[in-house]
Amino acid sequence: MPLTISQLHVYPVKSLRGISLAESDLQLAGLAHDRQWMLVDSKGAMMTQRSHPQMALVDTSLDDGVLVLDTFGMDTHRVPVTDAAMARRSSSVWGSAVSGIDVGDETADWLGQAIGEECRLIAFPASDTRPCDPEYSNPGDHTRYADGFPLLVVTQASLDYLNERLATPVSINRFRPNIVIDGANAHDEDDWRTLRIGDISMRLVKACARCSVPTVDPESGVLAGPEPIHTLSSYRRRDGEVFFGINASPDGEGRLAVGDTVSILD
């Protein structure tokens, strides 16, 4: 059975709901608009579902590149387009220093009401690059507000293997991948080193250690208990961490689409 892309996902705002796409532009920093925005608290610290699971209830969409936010009981909010003249805020992503353009008070007020806590929304400046971990990357590899790398790749078979062991199956959105590949065996991605999709190659650089985010129920925005991490840990734990999926860095740019054939180069 040939390997194909079965799903593509982007998460415009780190830790808010993502978007399932039929096709997307791939840039060196990741899929277009992926983790282009991030919430920070009043002290400038990164906010994610790890500590604020209610963030899972805020929908995101893109209207000709304009970020649109929505959640139950509130009016839809269009986020202002940023420019270099707007104020910047400093923050960090797991120890990696970043800055962002503050999109303004109106958006901050909307999000504060939506998630029930004071916050600001920052946008990754178009002029900036954030280098990836040099231990796992080539010179020039960069990303935006993703945890560490431009892409997360998983196989459908890996999720199916997990769900066979769970009393209540979970959806792939618990793991927030960018590219889901069908036609492989469970956890084949562990052994892949380089993929080619069309004219684009990408290096699979580091297994993804999972945190508590997969335990957040995306429908209720609450920590739902120890699953699926508890079950994953029974067969995917090593060196004190639990792994699911592979981080990747692209070596080129182009267009990806659901149905595209995936080749394993090594």
Protein backbone atom coordinates (compact mmCIF):
# COMPACT_ATOMS: atom_id res chain seq x y z
CA MET A 1 0.00 0.00 0.00
CA PRO A 2 1.52 3.36 -0.97
CA LEU A 3 2.19 5.97 1.67
CA THR A 4 0.04 9.09 1.31
CA ILE A 5 -0.81 12.22 3.24
CA SER A 6 -4.20 11.58 4.84
CA GLN A 7 -4.47 14.80 6.89
CA LEU A 8 -2.88 18.25 7.07
CA HIS A 9 -3.30 20.50 10.10
CA VAL A 10 -2.16 23.97 11.06
CA TYR A 11 -2.43 25.65 14.45
CA PRO A 12 -2.27 29.38 13.77
CA VAL A 13 -2.24 30.28 17.48
CA LYS A 14 -0.11 28.07 19.68
CA SER A 15 -2.42 25.88 21.84
CA LEU A 16 -5.71 27.16 20.40
CA ARG A 17 -7.77 24.89 18.14
CA GLY A 18 -6.22 23.98 14.83
CA ILE A 19 -7.51 23.85 11.27
CA SER A 20 -7.77 20.77 9.06
CA LEU A 21 -6.79 21.58 5.47
CA ALA A 22 -7.00 19.90 2.09
CA GLU A 23 -3.77 21.60 1.02
CA SER A 24 -1.23 24.05 2.36
CA ASP A 25 1.90 25.92 1.41
CA LEU A 26 5.00 24.50 3.09
CA GLN A 27 7.65 27.03 4.09
CA LEU A 28 11.01 26.41 5.69
CA ALA A 29 9.51 27.51 9.03
CA GLY A 30 6.60 25.05 8.68
CA LEU A 31 3.15 25.02 7.10
CA ALA A 32 1.91 28.51 6.25
CA HIS A 33 0.59 30.32 9.35
CA ASP A 34 1.40 27.44 11.69
CA ARG A 35 2.16 28.76 15.20
CA GLN A 36 2.38 32.27 13.76
CA TRP A 37 0.68 33.70 16.88
CA MET A 38 1.08 32.96 20.60
CA LEU A 39 -0.64 33.97 23.83
CA VAL A 40 1.44 35.42 26.65
CA ASP A 41 0.42 36.30 30.18
CA SER A 42 0.75 39.67 31.92
CA LYS A 43 4.45 38.97 32.55
CA GLY A 44 5.14 37.96 28.95
CA ALA A 45 5.33 34.21 29.64
CA MET A 46 4.09 31.73 27.03
CA MET A 47 0.61 30.32 27.64
CA THR A 48 -0.38 26.81 26.49
CA GLN A 49 -2.95 24.11 27.23
CA ARG A 50 -0.48 22.57 29.67
CA SER A 51 -1.50 25.15 32.24
CA HIS A 52 -4.57 26.65 30.55
CA PRO A 53 -6.62 23.76 29.08
CA GLN A 54 -9.53 26.10 28.36
CA MET A 55 -7.51 27.43 25.42
CA ALA A 56 -8.67 24.32 23.53
CA LEU A 57 -12.15 25.85 23.20
CA VAL A 58 -11.11 28.83 21.05
CA ASP A 59 -11.51 28.18 17.32
CA THR A 60 -9.17 29.63 14.74
CA SER A 61 -9.66 30.21 11.03
CA LEU A 62 -7.92 32.19 8.30
CA ASP A 63 -9.62 34.58 5.93
CA ASP A 64 -7.14 35.50 3.21
CA GLY A 65 -4.36 35.41 5.78
CA VAL A 66 -6.32 37.29 8.44
CA LEU A 67 -6.67 35.39 11.72
CA VAL A 68 -10.27 34.95 12.91
CA LEU A 69 -11.14 33.80 16.44
CA ASP A 70 -14.41 32.32 17.65
CA THR A 71 -15.79 30.60 20.73
CA PHE A 72 -19.18 29.74 22.16
CA GLY A 73 -21.20 32.70 23.38
CA MET A 74 -18.99 35.43 21.91
CA ASP A 75 -18.93 37.44 18.71
CA THR A 76 -16.39 36.39 16.11
CA HIS A 77 -13.21 38.45 16.33
CA ARG A 78 -10.92 39.39 13.41
CA VAL A 79 -7.36 39.93 14.59
CA PRO A 80 -5.73 43.12 13.26
CA VAL A 81 -2.98 42.72 10.69
CA THR A 82 0.39 43.58 12.23
CA ASP A 83 3.19 45.71 10.89
CA ALA A 84 6.76 46.40 11.95
CA ALA A 85 5.85 49.74 13.56
CA MET A 86 3.67 48.11 16.24
CA ALA A 87 4.99 47.45 19.75
CA ARG A 88 6.94 44.27 20.47
CA ARG A 89 6.91 42.02 23.51
CA SER A 90 9.65 39.63 24.60
CA SER A 91 8.88 36.05 25.55
CA SER A 92 10.36 32.56 25.27
CA VAL A 93 9.39 29.10 24.05
CA TRP A 94 10.96 26.43 26.28
CA GLY A 95 14.04 28.53 26.93
CA SER A 96 14.34 29.83 23.38
CA ALA A 97 14.09 33.62 23.41
CA VAL A 98 11.47 35.05 21.04
CA SER A 99 9.74 38.34 20.50
CA GLY A 100 6.40 39.17 18.97
CA ILE A 101 4.30 42.02 17.71
CA ASP A 102 1.50 42.82 20.15
CA VAL A 103 -1.71 42.83 18.11
CA GLY A 104 -3.49 45.24 20.46
CA ASP A 105 -5.94 45.76 23.30
CA GLU A 106 -9.11 44.73 21.47
CA THR A 107 -7.78 41.25 20.78
CA ALA A 108 -6.33 40.99 24.28
CA ASP A 109 -9.71 41.86 25.79
CA TRP A 110 -11.52 39.33 23.56
CA LEU A 111 -9.13 36.51 24.43
CA GLY A 112 -9.13 37.43 28.11
CA GLN A 113 -12.89 37.01 28.16
CA ALA A 114 -12.74 33.80 26.09
CA ILE A 115 -10.27 31.98 28.32
CA GLY A 116 -11.00 33.76 31.59
CA GLU A 117 -7.54 35.17 32.20
CA GLU A 118 -5.63 38.31 31.30
CA CYS A 119 -3.42 37.74 28.27
CA ARG A 120 -1.94 39.32 25.15
CA LEU A 121 -1.65 37.92 21.62
CA ILE A 122 1.68 38.33 19.85
CA ALA A 123 2.48 37.65 16.19
CA PHE A 124 5.81 36.29 14.97
CA PRO A 125 7.58 39.11 13.10
CA ALA A 126 8.03 38.46 9.39
CA SER A 127 11.61 39.74 9.62
CA ASP A 128 12.62 37.30 12.39
CA THR A 129 13.83 33.71 12.35
CA ARG A 130 14.07 31.37 15.33
CA PRO A 131 16.79 28.75 14.93
CA CYS A 132 16.02 25.13 15.73
CA ASP A 133 18.09 23.12 18.20
CA PRO A 134 21.49 22.76 16.46
CA GLU A 135 21.97 19.30 17.97
CA TYR A 136 19.21 17.99 15.71
CA SER A 137 19.18 20.47 12.85
CA ASN A 138 21.14 21.81 9.93
CA PRO A 139 22.39 25.40 9.81
CA GLY A 140 19.50 27.61 8.71
CA ASP A 141 16.70 25.40 10.05
CA HIS A 142 14.17 27.64 11.75
CA THR A 143 10.62 27.80 13.03
CA ARG A 144 8.17 30.24 14.62
CA TYR A 145 6.38 29.54 17.93
CA ALA A 146 6.32 25.74 17.59
CA ASP A 147 7.86 23.91 20.53
CA GLY A 148 11.09 23.26 18.66
CA PHE A 149 10.80 22.26 15.02
CA PRO A 150 8.81 23.27 11.91
CA LEU A 151 6.72 20.10 11.53
CA LEU A 152 5.28 17.18 13.47
CA VAL A 153 4.69 13.99 11.48
CA VAL A 154 2.65 10.99 12.72
CA THR A 155 1.19 7.92 11.06
CA GLN A 156 -2.46 6.94 11.21
CA ALA A 157 -1.37 3.41 12.13
CA SER A 158 0.33 4.70 15.29
CA LEU A 159 -2.91 6.31 16.44
CA ASP A 160 -4.88 3.17 15.52
CA TYR A 161 -2.46 1.04 17.54
CA LEU A 162 -2.97 3.28 20.56
CA ASN A 163 -6.75 3.35 20.20
CA GLU A 164 -6.90 -0.45 20.18
CA ARG A 165 -5.55 -0.28 23.73
CA LEU A 166 -7.78 2.51 25.03
CA ALA A 167 -11.22 2.04 26.57
CA THR A 168 -12.25 5.30 24.88
CA PRO A 169 -10.47 6.03 21.58
CA VAL A 170 -9.02 9.50 21.02
CA SER A 171 -8.78 11.59 17.87
CA ILE A 172 -5.57 12.62 16.21
CA ASN A 173 -6.12 16.23 17.26
CA ARG A 174 -5.07 15.27 20.81
CA PHE A 175 -1.50 15.12 19.44
CA ARG A 176 -1.64 18.24 17.23
CA PRO A 177 0.31 16.91 14.21
CA ASN A 178 0.91 18.82 11.00
CA ILE A 179 1.15 15.85 8.65
CA VAL A 180 -0.62 12.51 9.08
CA ILE A 181 0.56 9.67 6.84
CA ASP A 182 -1.51 6.63 5.93
CA GLY A 183 -0.29 3.28 4.60
CA ALA A 184 2.47 2.63 7.14
CA ASN A 185 2.71 0.26 10.08
CA ALA A 186 2.45 1.57 13.62
CA HIS A 187 5.49 3.66 14.58
CA ASP A 188 7.31 3.08 11.30
CA GLU A 189 8.08 6.79 11.54
CA ASP A 190 10.58 6.00 14.31
CA ASP A 191 12.94 4.57 11.72
CA TRP A 192 12.44 7.03 8.87
CA ARG A 193 15.16 9.60 8.29
CA THR A 194 14.17 11.44 5.11
CA LEU A 195 10.82 11.78 3.33
CA ARG A 196 10.04 13.13 -0.10
CA ILE A 197 6.66 14.56 -1.02
CA GLY A 198 6.59 15.79 -4.59
CA ASP A 199 9.77 17.80 -5.03
CA ILE A 200 10.16 18.51 -1.32
CA SER A 201 12.31 16.49 1.04
CA MET A 202 12.16 16.72 4.80
CA ARG A 203 14.39 15.33 7.52
CA LEU A 204 12.85 13.54 10.49
CA VAL A 205 15.09 14.89 13.20
CA LYS A 206 13.80 14.00 16.66
CA ALA A 207 11.12 11.86 18.29
CA CYS A 208 8.45 13.98 19.96
CA ALA A 209 8.32 13.65 23.75
CA ARG A 210 4.75 14.20 24.88
CA CYS A 211 3.57 16.45 27.70
CA SER A 212 0.12 16.68 29.29
CA VAL A 213 -1.62 18.34 26.31
CA PRO A 214 -2.95 15.03 24.87
CA THR A 215 -4.85 14.53 28.15
CA VAL A 216 -6.90 17.69 27.50
CA ASP A 217 -10.35 16.91 26.11
CA PRO A 218 -10.58 19.23 23.07
CA GLU A 219 -14.38 19.27 23.27
CA SER A 220 -14.63 20.37 26.92
CA GLY A 221 -11.35 22.17 27.46
CA VAL A 222 -10.56 20.29 30.68
CA LEU A 223 -7.90 17.80 31.72
CA ALA A 224 -9.78 14.55 31.19
CA GLY A 225 -7.54 12.25 33.22
CA PRO A 226 -4.33 10.33 32.59
CA GLU A 227 -5.26 8.93 29.17
CA PRO A 228 -3.95 8.57 26.54
CA ILE A 229 -0.51 9.25 28.08
CA HIS A 230 -0.95 6.52 30.70
CA THR A 231 -1.48 3.83 28.06
CA LEU A 232 1.19 5.26 25.76
CA SER A 233 3.68 5.09 28.61
CA SER A 234 3.19 1.31 28.85
CA TYR A 235 4.90 0.80 25.50
CA ARG A 236 6.37 4.14 24.34
CA ARG A 237 8.43 5.19 27.37
CA ARG A 238 12.19 5.51 27.32
CA ASP A 239 14.64 7.65 29.23
CA GLY A 240 11.81 8.84 31.44
CA GLU A 241 9.71 10.30 28.60
CA VAL A 242 6.78 9.15 26.46
CA PHE A 243 7.08 9.52 22.69
CA PHE A 244 4.55 9.83 19.88
CA GLY A 245 5.33 11.24 16.44
CA ILE A 246 8.47 12.68 14.87
CA ASN A 247 9.62 16.28 14.52
CA ALA A 248 10.74 17.24 11.02
CA SER A 249 12.50 20.03 9.14
CA PRO A 250 11.85 20.64 5.43
CA ASP A 251 14.69 21.20 2.96
CA GLY A 252 12.52 23.11 0.51
CA GLU A 253 9.25 24.93 0.01
CA GLY A 254 6.19 24.10 -2.06
CA ARG A 255 2.61 22.89 -1.88
CA LEU A 256 1.37 19.86 0.07
CA ALA A 257 -2.06 18.29 -0.33
CA VAL A 258 -4.05 15.45 1.14
CA GLY A 259 -3.53 12.47 -1.15
CA ASP A 260 0.05 13.32 -2.04
CA THR A 261 2.36 10.29 -2.26
CA VAL A 262 5.08 10.04 0.37
CA SER A 263 8.39 8.35 -0.43
CA ILE A 264 10.90 7.17 2.18
CA LEU A 265 14.40 8.07 0.98
CA ASP A 266 16.19 6.59 3.98
